Amino acid sequence: MAYQIRLETDDDFQDAMERQSVLRIFRGDDLIESSVKIVRFDENRIVVQADISDMKYYARQECEFFEQRQRR
């Protein structure tokens, strides 16, 4: 079963990007993305990709980002 880790700092995002972790993205109480991976990020935006042609940009201040990890 998977558990979620909230991503908040640049180090959190860098680690998730290097591991190619699967993310879930929330805006308010709504799940707006799932099963995406971080392609790039900066202090304002997170760029995620679900497949080859599906890249999306999200503002860090408007959304909450969670990494999904498998329990061992």
PDB file of N, CA and C in Angstrom:
ATOM      1  N   MET A   1       0.838  -1.174   0.000  1.00  0.00           N
ATOM      2  CA  MET A   1       0.000   0.000   0.000  1.00  0.00           C
ATOM      3  C   MET A   1       0.889   1.246   0.000  1.00  0.00           C
ATOM      4  N   ALA A   2       0.469   2.266  -0.707  1.00  0.00           N
ATOM      5  CA  ALA A   2       1.264   3.485  -0.849  1.00  0.00           C
ATOM      6  C   ALA A   2       0.959   4.482   0.261  1.00  0.00           C
ATOM      7  N   TYR A   3       1.906   5.337   0.525  1.00  0.00           N
ATOM      8  CA  TYR A   3       1.678   6.463   1.422  1.00  0.00           C
ATOM      9  C   TYR A   3       2.189   7.723   0.732  1.00  0.00           C
ATOM     10  N   GLN A   4       1.762   8.873   1.224  1.00  0.00           N
ATOM     11  CA  GLN A   4       2.072  10.138   0.576  1.00  0.00           C
ATOM     12  C   GLN A   4       2.968  11.003   1.454  1.00  0.00           C
ATOM     13  N   ILE A   5       3.891  11.697   0.805  1.00  0.00           N
ATOM     14  CA  ILE A   5       4.786  12.623   1.483  1.00  0.00           C
ATOM     15  C   ILE A   5       4.614  13.990   0.839  1.00  0.00           C
ATOM     16  N   ARG A   6       4.329  14.986   1.649  1.00  0.00           N
ATOM     17  CA  ARG A   6       4.132  16.342   1.133  1.00  0.00           C
ATOM     18  C   ARG A   6       5.478  16.944   0.720  1.00  0.00           C
ATOM     19  N   LEU A   7       5.518  17.529  -0.466  1.00  0.00           N
ATOM     20  CA  LEU A   7       6.722  18.184  -0.973  1.00  0.00           C
ATOM     21  C   LEU A   7       6.600  19.680  -0.733  1.00  0.00           C
ATOM     22  N   GLU A   8       7.583  20.254  -0.057  1.00  0.00           N
ATOM     23  CA  GLU A   8       7.527  21.677   0.281  1.00  0.00           C
ATOM     24  C   GLU A   8       8.788  22.437  -0.103  1.00  0.00           C
ATOM     25  N   THR A   9       9.941  21.846   0.101  1.00  0.00           N
ATOM     26  CA  THR A   9      11.203  22.556  -0.125  1.00  0.00           C
ATOM     27  C   THR A   9      11.808  22.185  -1.480  1.00  0.00           C
ATOM     28  N   ASP A  10      12.792  22.981  -1.905  1.00  0.00           N
ATOM     29  CA  ASP A  10      13.502  22.657  -3.144  1.00  0.00           C
ATOM     30  C   ASP A  10      14.154  21.283  -3.057  1.00  0.00           C
ATOM     31  N   ASP A  11      14.690  20.943  -1.896  1.00  0.00           N
ATOM     32  CA  ASP A  11      15.301  19.621  -1.720  1.00  0.00           C
ATOM     33  C   ASP A  11      14.279  18.507  -1.888  1.00  0.00           C
ATOM     34  N   ASP A  12      13.063  18.703  -1.366  1.00  0.00           N
ATOM     35  CA  ASP A  12      11.992  17.711  -1.538  1.00  0.00           C
ATOM     36  C   ASP A  12      11.693  17.492  -3.018  1.00  0.00           C
ATOM     37  N   PHE A  13      11.546  18.603  -3.759  1.00  0.00           N
ATOM     38  CA  PHE A  13      11.243  18.506  -5.188  1.00  0.00           C
ATOM     39  C   PHE A  13      12.409  17.890  -5.960  1.00  0.00           C
ATOM     40  N   GLN A  14      13.633  18.246  -5.600  1.00  0.00           N
ATOM     41  CA  GLN A  14      14.809  17.691  -6.274  1.00  0.00           C
ATOM     42  C   GLN A  14      14.891  16.184  -6.060  1.00  0.00           C
ATOM     43  N   ASP A  15      14.680  15.730  -4.827  1.00  0.00           N
ATOM     44  CA  ASP A  15      14.709  14.299  -4.534  1.00  0.00           C
ATOM     45  C   ASP A  15      13.638  13.550  -5.317  1.00  0.00           C
ATOM     46  N   ALA A  16      12.427  14.091  -5.350  1.00  0.00           N
ATOM     47  CA  ALA A  16      11.328  13.447  -6.081  1.00  0.00           C
ATOM     48  C   ALA A  16      11.624  13.406  -7.578  1.00  0.00           C
ATOM     49  N   MET A  17      12.220  14.460  -8.109  1.00  0.00           N
ATOM     50  CA  MET A  17      12.558  14.497  -9.531  1.00  0.00           C
ATOM     51  C   MET A  17      13.645  13.473  -9.852  1.00  0.00           C
ATOM     52  N   GLU A  18      14.665  13.376  -9.013  1.00  0.00           N
ATOM     53  CA  GLU A  18      15.754  12.421  -9.242  1.00  0.00           C
ATOM     54  C   GLU A  18      15.276  10.978  -9.152  1.00  0.00           C
ATOM     55  N   ARG A  19      14.344  10.703  -8.251  1.00  0.00           N
ATOM     56  CA  ARG A  19      13.797   9.351  -8.107  1.00  0.00           C
ATOM     57  C   ARG A  19      12.704   9.055  -9.124  1.00  0.00           C
ATOM     58  N   GLN A  20      12.292  10.060  -9.896  1.00  0.00           N
ATOM     59  CA  GLN A  20      11.180   9.953 -10.837  1.00  0.00           C
ATOM     60  C   GLN A  20       9.926   9.445 -10.129  1.00  0.00           C
ATOM     61  N   SER A  21       9.673  10.025  -8.974  1.00  0.00           N
ATOM     62  CA  SER A  21       8.525   9.636  -8.157  1.00  0.00           C
ATOM     63  C   SER A  21       7.219  10.085  -8.796  1.00  0.00           C
ATOM     64  N   VAL A  22       6.184   9.319  -8.542  1.00  0.00           N
ATOM     65  CA  VAL A  22       4.841   9.652  -9.006  1.00  0.00           C
ATOM     66  C   VAL A  22       4.221  10.631  -8.012  1.00  0.00           C
ATOM     67  N   LEU A  23       3.582  11.690  -8.540  1.00  0.00           N
ATOM     68  CA  LEU A  23       2.999  12.731  -7.697  1.00  0.00           C
ATOM     69  C   LEU A  23       1.488  12.784  -7.824  1.00  0.00           C
ATOM     70  N   ARG A  24       0.880  13.339  -6.786  1.00  0.00           N
ATOM     71  CA  ARG A  24      -0.521  13.759  -6.805  1.00  0.00           C
ATOM     72  C   ARG A  24      -0.512  15.248  -6.488  1.00  0.00           C
ATOM     73  N   ILE A  25      -1.347  16.020  -7.201  1.00  0.00           N
ATOM     74  CA  ILE A  25      -1.383  17.470  -7.027  1.00  0.00           C
ATOM     75  C   ILE A  25      -2.797  17.894  -6.665  1.00  0.00           C
ATOM     76  N   PHE A  26      -2.886  18.697  -5.615  1.00  0.00           N
ATOM     77  CA  PHE A  26      -4.172  19.197  -5.130  1.00  0.00           C
ATOM     78  C   PHE A  26      -4.209  20.714  -5.221  1.00  0.00           C
ATOM     79  N   ARG A  27      -5.368  21.246  -5.548  1.00  0.00           N
ATOM     80  CA  ARG A  27      -5.636  22.689  -5.463  1.00  0.00           C
ATOM     81  C   ARG A  27      -6.858  22.815  -4.571  1.00  0.00           C
ATOM     82  N   GLY A  28      -6.668  23.424  -3.404  1.00  0.00           N
ATOM     83  CA  GLY A  28      -7.745  23.435  -2.413  1.00  0.00           C
ATOM     84  C   GLY A  28      -7.998  22.003  -1.968  1.00  0.00           C
ATOM     85  N   ASP A  29      -9.242  21.578  -2.007  1.00  0.00           N
ATOM     86  CA  ASP A  29      -9.589  20.202  -1.640  1.00  0.00           C
ATOM     87  C   ASP A  29      -9.722  19.290  -2.852  1.00  0.00           C
ATOM     88  N   ASP A  30      -9.394  19.795  -4.041  1.00  0.00           N
ATOM     89  CA  ASP A  30      -9.595  19.037  -5.276  1.00  0.00           C
ATOM     90  C   ASP A  30      -8.302  18.401  -5.765  1.00  0.00           C
ATOM     91  N   LEU A  31      -8.381  17.127  -6.107  1.00  0.00           N
ATOM     92  CA  LEU A  31      -7.273  16.442  -6.761  1.00  0.00           C
ATOM     93  C   LEU A  31      -7.298  16.855  -8.230  1.00  0.00           C
ATOM     94  N   ILE A  32      -6.237  17.528  -8.691  1.00  0.00           N
ATOM     95  CA  ILE A  32      -6.235  18.012 -10.075  1.00  0.00           C
ATOM     96  C   ILE A  32      -5.290  17.227 -10.979  1.00  0.00           C
ATOM     97  N   GLU A  33      -4.337  16.488 -10.417  1.00  0.00           N
ATOM     98  CA  GLU A  33      -3.429  15.639 -11.193  1.00  0.00           C
ATOM     99  C   GLU A  33      -3.015  14.450 -10.359  1.00  0.00           C
ATOM    100  N   SER A  34      -2.807  13.336 -11.031  1.00  0.00           N
ATOM    101  CA  SER A  34      -2.219  12.173 -10.369  1.00  0.00           C
ATOM    102  C   SER A  34      -1.384  11.414 -11.389  1.00  0.00           C
ATOM    103  N   SER A  35      -0.483  10.616 -10.900  1.00  0.00           N
ATOM    104  CA  SER A  35       0.392   9.794 -11.752  1.00  0.00           C
ATOM    105  C   SER A  35       1.240  10.630 -12.702  1.00  0.00           C
ATOM    106  N   VAL A  36       1.767  11.739 -12.205  1.00  0.00           N
ATOM    107  CA  VAL A  36       2.663  12.583 -12.999  1.00  0.00           C
ATOM    108  C   VAL A  36       4.040  12.609 -12.342  1.00  0.00           C
ATOM    109  N   LYS A  37       5.049  12.973 -13.131  1.00  0.00           N
ATOM    110  CA  LYS A  37       6.417  13.074 -12.632  1.00  0.00           C
ATOM    111  C   LYS A  37       6.951  14.477 -12.873  1.00  0.00           C
ATOM    112  N   ILE A  38       7.820  14.929 -11.978  1.00  0.00           N
ATOM    113  CA  ILE A  38       8.419  16.259 -12.108  1.00  0.00           C
ATOM    114  C   ILE A  38       9.467  16.244 -13.219  1.00  0.00           C
ATOM    115  N   VAL A  39       9.364  17.222 -14.111  1.00  0.00           N
ATOM    116  CA  VAL A  39      10.339  17.396 -15.181  1.00  0.00           C
ATOM    117  C   VAL A  39      11.310  18.515 -14.821  1.00  0.00           C
ATOM    118  N   ARG A  40      10.754  19.585 -14.238  1.00  0.00           N
ATOM    119  CA  ARG A  40      11.549  20.767 -13.916  1.00  0.00           C
ATOM    120  C   ARG A  40      10.805  21.556 -12.846  1.00  0.00           C
ATOM    121  N   PHE A  41      11.544  22.371 -12.096  1.00  0.00           N
ATOM    122  CA  PHE A  41      10.902  23.235 -11.104  1.00  0.00           C
ATOM    123  C   PHE A  41      11.781  24.444 -10.835  1.00  0.00           C
ATOM    124  N   ASP A  42      11.153  25.498 -10.337  1.00  0.00           N
ATOM    125  CA  ASP A  42      11.874  26.666  -9.833  1.00  0.00           C
ATOM    126  C   ASP A  42      11.104  27.187  -8.625  1.00  0.00           C
ATOM    127  N   GLU A  43      11.433  28.391  -8.167  1.00  0.00           N
ATOM    128  CA  GLU A  43      10.785  28.895  -6.951  1.00  0.00           C
ATOM    129  C   GLU A  43       9.309  29.229  -7.150  1.00  0.00           C
ATOM    130  N   ASN A  44       8.850  29.331  -8.399  1.00  0.00           N
ATOM    131  CA  ASN A  44       7.456  29.698  -8.669  1.00  0.00           C
ATOM    132  C   ASN A  44       6.608  28.589  -9.274  1.00  0.00           C
ATOM    133  N   ARG A  45       7.204  27.719 -10.078  1.00  0.00           N
ATOM    134  CA  ARG A  45       6.436  26.733 -10.829  1.00  0.00           C
ATOM    135  C   ARG A  45       7.018  25.328 -10.717  1.00  0.00           C
ATOM    136  N   ILE A  46       6.117  24.367 -10.901  1.00  0.00           N
ATOM    137  CA  ILE A  46       6.504  22.968 -11.018  1.00  0.00           C
ATOM    138  C   ILE A  46       6.008  22.495 -12.378  1.00  0.00           C
ATOM    139  N   VAL A  47       6.884  21.880 -13.161  1.00  0.00           N
ATOM    140  CA  VAL A  47       6.508  21.340 -14.468  1.00  0.00           C
ATOM    141  C   VAL A  47       6.429  19.826 -14.321  1.00  0.00           C
ATOM    142  N   VAL A  48       5.271  19.263 -14.679  1.00  0.00           N
ATOM    143  CA  VAL A  48       5.073  17.823 -14.556  1.00  0.00           C
ATOM    144  C   VAL A  48       4.712  17.239 -15.916  1.00  0.00           C
ATOM    145  N   GLN A  49       4.920  15.921 -16.028  1.00  0.00           N
ATOM    146  CA  GLN A  49       4.638  15.236 -17.281  1.00  0.00           C
ATOM    147  C   GLN A  49       3.998  13.887 -16.979  1.00  0.00           C
ATOM    148  N   ALA A  50       2.896  13.603 -17.694  1.00  0.00           N
ATOM    149  CA  ALA A  50       2.219  12.320 -17.547  1.00  0.00           C
ATOM    150  C   ALA A  50       2.648  11.356 -18.651  1.00  0.00           C
ATOM    151  N   ASP A  51       2.816  11.869 -19.870  1.00  0.00           N
ATOM    152  CA  ASP A  51       3.339  11.077 -20.976  1.00  0.00           C
ATOM    153  C   ASP A  51       4.100  11.999 -21.919  1.00  0.00           C
ATOM    154  N   ILE A  52       4.485  11.508 -23.069  1.00  0.00           N
ATOM    155  CA  ILE A  52       5.373  12.243 -23.969  1.00  0.00           C
ATOM    156  C   ILE A  52       4.895  13.659 -24.276  1.00  0.00           C
ATOM    157  N   SER A  53       3.647  13.818 -24.640  1.00  0.00           N
ATOM    158  CA  SER A  53       3.169  15.129 -25.088  1.00  0.00           C
ATOM    159  C   SER A  53       2.320  15.864 -24.056  1.00  0.00           C
ATOM    160  N   ASP A  54       2.274  15.377 -22.842  1.00  0.00           N
ATOM    161  CA  ASP A  54       1.388  15.950 -21.826  1.00  0.00           C
ATOM    162  C   ASP A  54       2.196  16.595 -20.702  1.00  0.00           C
ATOM    163  N   MET A  55       2.623  17.848 -20.923  1.00  0.00           N
ATOM    164  CA  MET A  55       3.345  18.596 -19.899  1.00  0.00           C
ATOM    165  C   MET A  55       2.450  19.704 -19.378  1.00  0.00           C
ATOM    166  N   LYS A  56       2.459  19.887 -18.049  1.00  0.00           N
ATOM    167  CA  LYS A  56       1.632  20.920 -17.430  1.00  0.00           C
ATOM    168  C   LYS A  56       2.460  21.692 -16.410  1.00  0.00           C
ATOM    169  N   TYR A  57       2.059  22.947 -16.202  1.00  0.00           N
ATOM    170  CA  TYR A  57       2.751  23.859 -15.298  1.00  0.00           C
ATOM    171  C   TYR A  57       1.814  24.215 -14.150  1.00  0.00           C
ATOM    172  N   TYR A  58       2.330  24.167 -12.914  1.00  0.00           N
ATOM    173  CA  TYR A  58       1.526  24.509 -11.744  1.00  0.00           C
ATOM    174  C   TYR A  58       2.298  25.469 -10.843  1.00  0.00           C
ATOM    175  N   ALA A  59       1.582  26.439 -10.295  1.00  0.00           N
ATOM    176  CA  ALA A  59       2.185  27.399  -9.371  1.00  0.00           C
ATOM    177  C   ALA A  59       2.385  26.740  -8.008  1.00  0.00           C
ATOM    178  N   ARG A  60       3.561  26.897  -7.444  1.00  0.00           N
ATOM    179  CA  ARG A  60       3.860  26.291  -6.142  1.00  0.00           C
ATOM    180  C   ARG A  60       2.977  26.842  -5.037  1.00  0.00           C
ATOM    181  N   GLN A  61       2.637  28.134  -5.107  1.00  0.00           N
ATOM    182  CA  GLN A  61       1.852  28.754  -4.045  1.00  0.00           C
ATOM    183  C   GLN A  61       0.372  28.370  -4.110  1.00  0.00           C
ATOM    184  N   GLU A  62      -0.120  27.944  -5.257  1.00  0.00           N
ATOM    185  CA  GLU A  62      -1.540  27.634  -5.422  1.00  0.00           C
ATOM    186  C   GLU A  62      -1.879  26.167  -5.193  1.00  0.00           C
ATOM    187  N   CYS A  63      -0.878  25.304  -5.225  1.00  0.00           N
ATOM    188  CA  CYS A  63      -1.135  23.862  -5.186  1.00  0.00           C
ATOM    189  C   CYS A  63      -0.344  23.186  -4.067  1.00  0.00           C
ATOM    190  N   GLU A  64      -0.784  21.977  -3.732  1.00  0.00           N
ATOM    191  CA  GLU A  64      -0.059  21.122  -2.796  1.00  0.00           C
ATOM    192  C   GLU A  64       0.405  19.896  -3.571  1.00  0.00           C
ATOM    193  N   PHE A  65       1.646  19.496  -3.343  1.00  0.00           N
ATOM    194  CA  PHE A  65       2.258  18.411  -4.090  1.00  0.00           C
ATOM    195  C   PHE A  65       2.602  17.282  -3.126  1.00  0.00           C
ATOM    196  N   PHE A  66       2.228  16.057  -3.508  1.00  0.00           N
ATOM    197  CA  PHE A  66       2.483  14.893  -2.672  1.00  0.00           C
ATOM    198  C   PHE A  66       3.145  13.803  -3.494  1.00  0.00           C
ATOM    199  N   GLU A  67       4.229  13.263  -2.958  1.00  0.00           N
ATOM    200  CA  GLU A  67       4.917  12.139  -3.575  1.00  0.00           C
ATOM    201  C   GLU A  67       4.281  10.857  -3.059  1.00  0.00           C
ATOM    202  N   GLN A  68       4.039   9.919  -3.961  1.00  0.00           N
ATOM    203  CA  GLN A  68       3.493   8.628  -3.562  1.00  0.00           C
ATOM    204  C   GLN A  68       4.639   7.626  -3.471  1.00  0.00           C
ATOM    205  N   ARG A  69       4.753   6.979  -2.331  1.00  0.00           N
ATOM    206  CA  ARG A  69       5.783   5.957  -2.126  1.00  0.00           C
ATOM    207  C   ARG A  69       5.124   4.658  -1.702  1.00  0.00           C
ATOM    208  N   GLN A  70       5.757   3.563  -2.108  1.00  0.00           N
ATOM    209  CA  GLN A  70       5.267   2.242  -1.724  1.00  0.00           C
ATOM    210  C   GLN A  70       5.824   1.864  -0.355  1.00  0.00           C
ATOM    211  N   ARG A  71       4.980   1.288   0.460  1.00  0.00           N
ATOM    212  CA  ARG A  71       5.450   0.768   1.755  1.00  0.00           C
ATOM    213  C   ARG A  71       6.266  -0.487   1.509  1.00  0.00           C
ATOM    214  N   ARG A  72       7.272  -0.676   2.341  1.00  0.00           N
ATOM    215  CA  ARG A  72       8.140  -1.854   2.180  1.00  0.00           C
ATOM    216  C   ARG A  72       7.828  -2.889   3.203  1.00  0.00           C
TER     217      ARG A  72
END
